[in-house]
Every structure is written in C-alpha cells, then in structure tokens.
Amino acid sequence: MTRTGDAPRARFRVRVSPKSRADGIGEPLADGTIRLRVRAAAEDGRANEAVILLLAEALGLPRGAVRIVGGHASREKWIEAEGITSGEAARRLGSRRGERGTDGT
C-alpha cells in the first residue's frame, strides 16, 4: 500500500476476545481500549484477520487500510487505520457497539 504524508491516520488499542459467539464491538475500557469479540480462534492468524475485517467494515474502510501494528500474538493490539482521523474512528466505532458481524450471527 502506498502511503501519503498528508493522509489522516488513526491509531488505537483493542482488546480481543477470540472464539466468541459472535463478532462485535463492545464498550470501551476505562483507558479507552476498545473491546472486540471475534468468532475466529487465535490460531494461524485467523483471529487477527477477523479483527482487521471487523474493524475495516465498522470504519467503512478497505481491508488494506487497517492493519495491526503491535501485539500480533497478544489479546491487546495496536491498530492503525489510514484515511480516517482518530476522532472519526472513535465516532464510527462507538456507533457500532454491540452490533454483530455481517454473517448475521
């Protein structure tokens, strides 16, 4: 992906619960960390891919604009989203809290 110096970029932390009943975005923790639930297991990068897809959909961004920049093997991860400001990312994620994934579960 080509980066431009003036494109907005949001960076935020998430805490992931893999092997959940449904994909979804939960209430933020006291420190601002966003809680995510994904159905995928934390094996072979499946949960990480599910996190990226969930966030890309919730933020209205292409999959390639969202990436994990820290914590690949941890439940707590740093996310970077290109093409959106931190404030707009927080607004969009806040409006999606409690929603389930596109698979209807």
Protein backbone atom coordinates (compact mmCIF):
# COMPACT_ATOMS: atom_id res chain seq x y z
CA MET A 1 0.00 0.00 0.00
CA THR A 2 1.31 3.44 -0.88
CA ARG A 3 1.35 5.94 1.94
CA THR A 4 0.95 9.64 1.52
CA GLY A 5 2.35 12.00 4.11
CA ASP A 6 -0.81 14.09 4.42
CA ALA A 7 -3.39 11.29 4.65
CA PRO A 8 -5.10 11.07 8.05
CA ARG A 9 -4.19 8.05 10.14
CA ALA A 10 -5.86 6.81 13.32
CA ARG A 11 -4.04 4.68 15.86
CA PHE A 12 -5.81 2.96 18.73
CA ARG A 13 -5.68 -0.07 21.01
CA VAL A 14 -8.07 -3.01 21.10
CA ARG A 15 -8.53 -5.98 23.41
CA VAL A 16 -9.67 -9.08 21.56
CA SER A 17 -11.75 -11.98 22.83
CA PRO A 18 -11.29 -14.80 20.30
CA LYS A 19 -13.64 -17.78 19.98
CA SER A 20 -16.64 -15.64 20.93
CA ARG A 21 -20.21 -16.49 19.99
CA ALA A 22 -20.34 -13.60 17.51
CA ASP A 23 -18.16 -10.88 16.05
CA GLY A 24 -18.80 -7.49 17.62
CA ILE A 25 -17.56 -4.29 19.17
CA GLY A 26 -18.04 -3.82 22.90
CA GLU A 27 -17.90 -0.91 25.30
CA PRO A 28 -14.51 0.75 25.68
CA LEU A 29 -12.45 0.08 28.78
CA ALA A 30 -11.60 2.88 31.24
CA ASP A 31 -8.28 3.54 29.44
CA GLY A 32 -10.00 3.88 26.06
CA THR A 33 -9.08 0.42 24.78
CA ILE A 34 -11.83 -0.89 22.51
CA ARG A 35 -13.17 -4.36 23.24
CA LEU A 36 -13.68 -6.66 20.27
CA ARG A 37 -15.20 -10.11 20.01
CA VAL A 38 -14.35 -12.39 17.12
CA ARG A 39 -15.57 -15.89 16.39
CA ALA A 40 -12.22 -16.99 14.97
CA ALA A 41 -9.74 -18.87 17.12
CA ALA A 42 -6.33 -17.39 17.85
CA GLU A 43 -4.62 -19.95 15.63
CA ASP A 44 -2.63 -19.37 12.44
CA GLY A 45 -3.52 -15.66 12.38
CA ARG A 46 -7.26 -16.29 11.98
CA ALA A 47 -8.30 -14.06 14.89
CA ASN A 48 -6.01 -11.27 13.67
CA GLU A 49 -7.57 -11.43 10.20
CA ALA A 50 -11.05 -11.38 11.77
CA VAL A 51 -10.08 -8.28 13.78
CA ILE A 52 -8.92 -6.49 10.63
CA LEU A 53 -12.08 -7.40 8.71
CA LEU A 54 -14.37 -6.38 11.59
CA LEU A 55 -12.64 -3.02 12.02
CA ALA A 56 -12.45 -2.30 8.29
CA GLU A 57 -16.19 -2.87 7.97
CA ALA A 58 -17.03 -0.83 11.07
CA LEU A 59 -14.81 2.05 9.96
CA GLY A 60 -16.04 1.97 6.36
CA LEU A 61 -12.51 1.45 5.06
CA PRO A 62 -11.00 -1.08 2.67
CA ARG A 63 -9.35 -4.08 4.32
CA GLY A 64 -5.91 -2.85 3.22
CA ALA A 65 -6.31 0.43 5.11
CA VAL A 66 -6.47 -1.32 8.50
CA ARG A 67 -3.51 -3.14 9.99
CA ILE A 68 -2.19 -4.47 13.26
CA VAL A 69 0.99 -2.61 14.15
CA GLY A 70 1.64 -4.17 17.56
CA GLY A 71 0.57 -7.13 19.67
CA HIS A 72 0.14 -9.72 16.93
CA ALA A 73 0.41 -12.59 19.43
CA SER A 74 -1.39 -10.78 22.25
CA ARG A 75 -5.03 -10.11 23.12
CA GLU A 76 -4.13 -6.41 23.28
CA LYS A 77 -3.23 -4.99 19.89
CA TRP A 78 -2.36 -1.62 18.38
CA ILE A 79 -4.32 -0.84 15.23
CA GLU A 80 -3.55 1.71 12.56
CA ALA A 81 -6.24 2.83 10.12
CA GLU A 82 -5.33 5.00 7.15
CA GLY A 83 -7.69 7.51 5.63
CA ILE A 84 -9.50 8.41 8.84
CA THR A 85 -8.79 10.62 11.84
CA SER A 86 -8.71 9.27 15.39
CA GLY A 87 -11.83 11.25 16.27
CA GLU A 88 -13.77 9.92 13.30
CA ALA A 89 -12.62 6.36 14.06
CA ALA A 90 -13.86 6.70 17.64
CA ARG A 91 -17.21 8.05 16.41
CA ARG A 92 -17.71 5.25 13.88
CA LEU A 93 -16.70 2.51 16.30
CA GLY A 94 -18.91 4.00 19.01
CA SER A 95 -21.91 3.90 16.70
CA ARG A 96 -21.27 0.18 16.02
CA ARG A 97 -21.04 -1.02 19.61
CA GLY A 98 -22.99 -4.16 20.22
CA GLU A 99 -23.52 -4.89 16.53
CA ARG A 100 -22.71 -8.30 15.23
CA GLY A 101 -20.80 -9.25 12.14
CA THR A 102 -22.20 -9.37 8.64
CA ASP A 103 -22.82 -13.10 8.83
CA GLY A 104 -26.00 -12.44 10.80
CA THR A 105 -24.95 -14.30 13.93
